[in-house]
Amino acid sequence: MYAWIFRNLPGPLWMRILTALVLIAGVVLLLMNYVFPWFSEFSFLNPLTDSTIGGS
């Protein structure tokens, strides 16, 4: 899948690398700002937010 995306990006190699980095940064930004905060609202699906500190 990634090879297909990289092959279909326009331009020379340096431009494809730059475009791929921008796309990766965009996906990471989208995940960090919208998807992960939305998913954290559903704590019953995410066992990583359970805390045992202070519990008996």
N, C-alpha and C. Protein backbone atom coordinates (compact mmCIF):
# COMPACT_ATOMS: atom_id res chain seq x y z
N MET A 1 0.82 -1.18 0.00
CA MET A 1 0.00 0.00 0.00
C MET A 1 0.88 1.26 0.00
N TYR A 2 1.89 1.30 0.85
CA TYR A 2 2.74 2.48 0.92
C TYR A 2 3.55 2.65 -0.35
N ALA A 3 3.99 1.55 -0.92
CA ALA A 3 4.73 1.63 -2.17
C ALA A 3 3.83 2.16 -3.29
N TRP A 4 2.57 1.76 -3.31
CA TRP A 4 1.64 2.25 -4.32
C TRP A 4 1.45 3.75 -4.18
N ILE A 5 1.28 4.22 -2.94
CA ILE A 5 1.12 5.66 -2.70
C ILE A 5 2.38 6.40 -3.14
N PHE A 6 3.53 5.89 -2.77
CA PHE A 6 4.80 6.57 -3.10
C PHE A 6 5.01 6.60 -4.61
N ARG A 7 4.68 5.52 -5.31
CA ARG A 7 4.85 5.50 -6.77
C ARG A 7 3.91 6.46 -7.46
N ASN A 8 2.74 6.70 -6.92
CA ASN A 8 1.75 7.56 -7.57
C ASN A 8 1.86 9.02 -7.18
N LEU A 9 2.79 9.37 -6.30
CA LEU A 9 3.02 10.78 -5.99
C LEU A 9 3.73 11.44 -7.17
N PRO A 10 3.36 12.67 -7.50
CA PRO A 10 3.98 13.33 -8.65
C PRO A 10 5.35 13.90 -8.32
N GLY A 11 6.14 14.10 -9.35
CA GLY A 11 7.41 14.80 -9.20
C GLY A 11 8.62 13.90 -9.07
N PRO A 12 9.78 14.54 -8.95
CA PRO A 12 11.02 13.79 -8.77
C PRO A 12 11.10 13.19 -7.37
N LEU A 13 12.14 12.42 -7.13
CA LEU A 13 12.28 11.68 -5.88
C LEU A 13 12.25 12.60 -4.67
N TRP A 14 12.99 13.71 -4.71
CA TRP A 14 13.02 14.60 -3.54
C TRP A 14 11.64 15.18 -3.25
N MET A 15 10.85 15.45 -4.30
CA MET A 15 9.50 15.99 -4.10
C MET A 15 8.56 14.92 -3.54
N ARG A 16 8.72 13.68 -3.98
CA ARG A 16 7.89 12.59 -3.45
C ARG A 16 8.20 12.33 -1.99
N ILE A 17 9.49 12.40 -1.62
CA ILE A 17 9.87 12.23 -0.22
C ILE A 17 9.28 13.35 0.63
N LEU A 18 9.37 14.58 0.17
CA LEU A 18 8.82 15.72 0.90
C LEU A 18 7.30 15.61 1.02
N THR A 19 6.64 15.23 -0.06
CA THR A 19 5.19 15.06 -0.03
C THR A 19 4.78 13.94 0.91
N ALA A 20 5.54 12.84 0.90
CA ALA A 20 5.24 11.73 1.79
C ALA A 20 5.40 12.15 3.25
N LEU A 21 6.42 12.93 3.56
CA LEU A 21 6.62 13.41 4.92
C LEU A 21 5.49 14.35 5.36
N VAL A 22 5.03 15.19 4.45
CA VAL A 22 3.91 16.08 4.76
C VAL A 22 2.64 15.27 4.99
N LEU A 23 2.41 14.24 4.18
CA LEU A 23 1.25 13.38 4.37
C LEU A 23 1.30 12.65 5.70
N ILE A 24 2.47 12.14 6.06
CA ILE A 24 2.64 11.45 7.34
C ILE A 24 2.39 12.41 8.50
N ALA A 25 2.94 13.62 8.40
CA ALA A 25 2.74 14.61 9.46
C ALA A 25 1.26 14.98 9.57
N GLY A 26 0.56 15.07 8.45
CA GLY A 26 -0.86 15.37 8.47
C GLY A 26 -1.68 14.28 9.13
N VAL A 27 -1.33 13.03 8.85
CA VAL A 27 -2.04 11.91 9.47
C VAL A 27 -1.79 11.89 10.97
N VAL A 28 -0.55 12.10 11.39
CA VAL A 28 -0.23 12.13 12.82
C VAL A 28 -0.96 13.28 13.51
N LEU A 29 -0.99 14.44 12.89
CA LEU A 29 -1.70 15.59 13.45
C LEU A 29 -3.20 15.30 13.58
N LEU A 30 -3.78 14.71 12.56
CA LEU A 30 -5.19 14.35 12.60
C LEU A 30 -5.48 13.36 13.72
N LEU A 31 -4.63 12.36 13.86
CA LEU A 31 -4.83 11.37 14.91
C LEU A 31 -4.70 11.99 16.30
N MET A 32 -3.65 12.79 16.51
CA MET A 32 -3.41 13.36 17.83
C MET A 32 -4.45 14.39 18.25
N ASN A 33 -4.99 15.14 17.30
CA ASN A 33 -5.92 16.22 17.64
C ASN A 33 -7.38 15.81 17.63
N TYR A 34 -7.74 14.80 16.86
CA TYR A 34 -9.16 14.49 16.71
C TYR A 34 -9.51 13.05 17.07
N VAL A 35 -8.77 12.09 16.55
CA VAL A 35 -9.15 10.69 16.71
C VAL A 35 -8.87 10.20 18.13
N PHE A 36 -7.67 10.39 18.64
CA PHE A 36 -7.33 9.89 19.97
C PHE A 36 -8.13 10.56 21.08
N PRO A 37 -8.33 11.89 21.07
CA PRO A 37 -9.20 12.46 22.11
C PRO A 37 -10.64 11.95 22.03
N TRP A 38 -11.15 11.77 20.84
CA TRP A 38 -12.50 11.23 20.69
C TRP A 38 -12.57 9.81 21.23
N PHE A 39 -11.55 8.99 20.94
CA PHE A 39 -11.55 7.61 21.39
C PHE A 39 -11.38 7.51 22.91
N SER A 40 -10.69 8.47 23.52
CA SER A 40 -10.47 8.40 24.96
C SER A 40 -11.76 8.61 25.74
N GLU A 41 -12.80 9.16 25.12
CA GLU A 41 -14.09 9.31 25.78
C GLU A 41 -14.74 7.97 26.07
N PHE A 42 -14.37 6.96 25.31
CA PHE A 42 -14.93 5.63 25.49
C PHE A 42 -13.98 4.80 26.34
N SER A 43 -13.93 5.08 27.62
CA SER A 43 -12.95 4.44 28.50
C SER A 43 -13.22 2.96 28.69
N PHE A 44 -14.46 2.51 28.47
CA PHE A 44 -14.73 1.08 28.61
C PHE A 44 -14.08 0.27 27.50
N LEU A 45 -13.69 0.92 26.40
CA LEU A 45 -13.01 0.23 25.31
C LEU A 45 -11.49 0.30 25.43
N ASN A 46 -11.00 1.19 26.29
CA ASN A 46 -9.57 1.45 26.38
C ASN A 46 -9.06 1.07 27.77
N PRO A 47 -8.48 -0.11 27.93
CA PRO A 47 -7.98 -0.50 29.26
C PRO A 47 -6.72 0.26 29.69
N LEU A 48 -6.10 1.01 28.79
CA LEU A 48 -4.87 1.73 29.14
C LEU A 48 -5.15 2.92 30.05
N THR A 49 -6.38 3.38 30.14
CA THR A 49 -6.68 4.52 30.99
C THR A 49 -7.05 4.10 32.41
N ASP A 50 -7.15 2.80 32.67
CA ASP A 50 -7.46 2.33 34.01
C ASP A 50 -6.26 2.57 34.94
N SER A 51 -6.53 3.06 36.13
CA SER A 51 -5.47 3.35 37.07
C SER A 51 -5.67 2.51 38.34
N THR A 52 -4.58 1.97 38.85
CA THR A 52 -4.65 1.20 40.08
C THR A 52 -3.99 1.94 41.23
N ILE A 53 -3.50 3.15 40.98
CA ILE A 53 -2.84 3.93 42.02
C ILE A 53 -3.92 4.48 42.96
N GLY A 54 -3.73 4.25 44.24
CA GLY A 54 -4.67 4.74 45.23
C GLY A 54 -5.88 3.83 45.43
N GLY A 55 -5.97 2.77 44.68
CA GLY A 55 -7.10 1.86 44.81
C GLY A 55 -6.83 0.83 45.89
N SER A 56 -7.88 0.27 46.41
CA SER A 56 -7.68 -0.74 47.46
C SER A 56 -7.89 -2.14 46.91
